[in-house]
C-alpha atoms as a PDB file:
ATOM      1  CA  MET A   1      94.374  81.485 108.243  1.00  0.00           C
ATOM      2  CA  THR A   2      95.763  84.590 109.768  1.00  0.00           C
ATOM      3  CA  PRO A   3      97.427  84.788 113.174  1.00  0.00           C
ATOM      4  CA  THR A   4      94.344  86.490 114.626  1.00  0.00           C
ATOM      5  CA  ASP A   5      92.175  83.556 113.518  1.00  0.00           C
ATOM      6  CA  ILE A   6      94.525  81.139 115.251  1.00  0.00           C
ATOM      7  CA  LYS A   7      94.449  83.286 118.396  1.00  0.00           C
ATOM      8  CA  LYS A   8      90.651  83.248 118.366  1.00  0.00           C
ATOM      9  CA  ILE A   9      90.604  79.466 117.987  1.00  0.00           C
ATOM     10  CA  LEU A  10      93.118  78.982 120.800  1.00  0.00           C
ATOM     11  CA  LYS A  11      91.175  81.413 122.989  1.00  0.00           C
ATOM     12  CA  THR A  12      87.956  79.462 122.381  1.00  0.00           C
ATOM     13  CA  ILE A  13      89.686  76.172 123.163  1.00  0.00           C
ATOM     14  CA  GLY A  14      91.119  77.709 126.340  1.00  0.00           C
ATOM     15  CA  TYR A  15      87.715  78.929 127.503  1.00  0.00           C
ATOM     16  CA  THR A  16      86.189  75.546 126.746  1.00  0.00           C
ATOM     17  CA  LEU A  17      88.836  73.637 128.698  1.00  0.00           C
ATOM     18  CA  GLY A  18      88.623  76.138 131.547  1.00  0.00           C
ATOM     19  CA  GLY A  19      84.861  75.716 131.714  1.00  0.00           C
ATOM     20  CA  LEU A  20      85.167  71.937 131.771  1.00  0.00           C
ATOM     21  CA  VAL A  21      87.693  72.099 134.601  1.00  0.00           C
ATOM     22  CA  ILE A  22      85.396  74.383 136.602  1.00  0.00           C
ATOM     23  CA  LEU A  23      82.437  72.037 136.046  1.00  0.00           C
ATOM     24  CA  LEU A  24      84.544  69.077 137.159  1.00  0.00           C
ATOM     25  CA  ILE A  25      85.601  70.886 140.339  1.00  0.00           C
ATOM     26  CA  ILE A  26      82.005  71.849 141.109  1.00  0.00           C
ATOM     27  CA  ALA A  27      80.865  68.250 140.571  1.00  0.00           C
ATOM     28  CA  CYS A  28      83.561  66.925 142.922  1.00  0.00           C
ATOM     29  CA  LEU A  29      82.658  69.451 145.613  1.00  0.00           C
ATOM     30  CA  LEU A  30      78.971  68.653 145.238  1.00  0.00           C
ATOM     31  CA  ILE A  31      79.639  64.942 145.620  1.00  0.00           C
ATOM     32  CA  ARG A  32      81.889  65.533 148.614  1.00  0.00           C
ATOM     33  CA  PHE A  33      79.589  67.840 150.560  1.00  0.00           C
ATOM     34  CA  ALA A  34      76.035  67.267 149.302  1.00  0.00           C
ATOM     35  CA  PHE A  35      76.141  63.479 149.407  1.00  0.00           C
ATOM     36  CA  LYS A  36      78.319  63.195 152.506  1.00  0.00           C
ATOM     37  CA  GLU A  37      75.607  61.592 154.651  1.00  0.00           C
ATOM     38  CA  GLN A  38      74.764  58.982 152.006  1.00  0.00           C
ATOM     39  CA  VAL A  39      78.429  58.004 151.673  1.00  0.00           C
ATOM     40  CA  ILE A  40      78.829  57.705 155.445  1.00  0.00           C
ATOM     41  CA  ALA A  41      75.683  55.571 155.699  1.00  0.00           C
ATOM     42  CA  TYR A  42      76.874  53.275 152.900  1.00  0.00           C
ATOM     43  CA  ILE A  43      80.313  52.822 154.475  1.00  0.00           C
ATOM     44  CA  ASN A  44      78.798  52.110 157.903  1.00  0.00           C
ATOM     45  CA  LYS A  45      76.465  49.531 156.369  1.00  0.00           C
ATOM     46  CA  GLN A  46      79.375  47.778 154.643  1.00  0.00           C
ATOM     47  CA  GLN A  47      81.445  47.778 157.842  1.00  0.00           C
ATOM     48  CA  LYS A  48      78.538  46.354 159.836  1.00  0.00           C
ATOM     49  CA  LYS A  49      78.200  43.501 157.334  1.00  0.00           C
ATOM     50  CA  GLU A  50      81.914  42.749 157.622  1.00  0.00           C
ATOM     51  CA  TYR A  51      81.810  42.793 161.427  1.00  0.00           C
ATOM     52  CA  VAL A  52      78.838  40.426 161.512  1.00  0.00           C
ATOM     53  CA  GLU A  53      80.591  38.066 159.111  1.00  0.00           C
ATOM     54  CA  LEU A  54      83.763  38.139 161.220  1.00  0.00           C
ATOM     55  CA  LEU A  55      81.787  37.391 164.375  1.00  0.00           C
ATOM     56  CA  ARG A  56      80.000  34.477 162.694  1.00  0.00           C
ATOM     57  CA  ASN A  57      83.297  33.006 161.569  1.00  0.00           C
ATOM     58  CA  ALA A  58      84.939  33.534 164.988  1.00  0.00           C
ATOM     59  CA  THR A  59      82.506  31.388 166.977  1.00  0.00           C
ATOM     60  CA  PRO A  60      83.791  27.866 167.563  1.00  0.00           C
END
């Protein structure tokens, strides 16, 4: 292997890792902004269940 072959391999690996990082960032942003309403609804539903359970346990 010549030094130019190694440079090509490292360049390909760099582009691959860079692309994966970009895809991961896009996925995180999509989850954060596109599914925001679903996450809020799920959290509110869980909190409501907890509040109801606390109220049931608080009555004498």
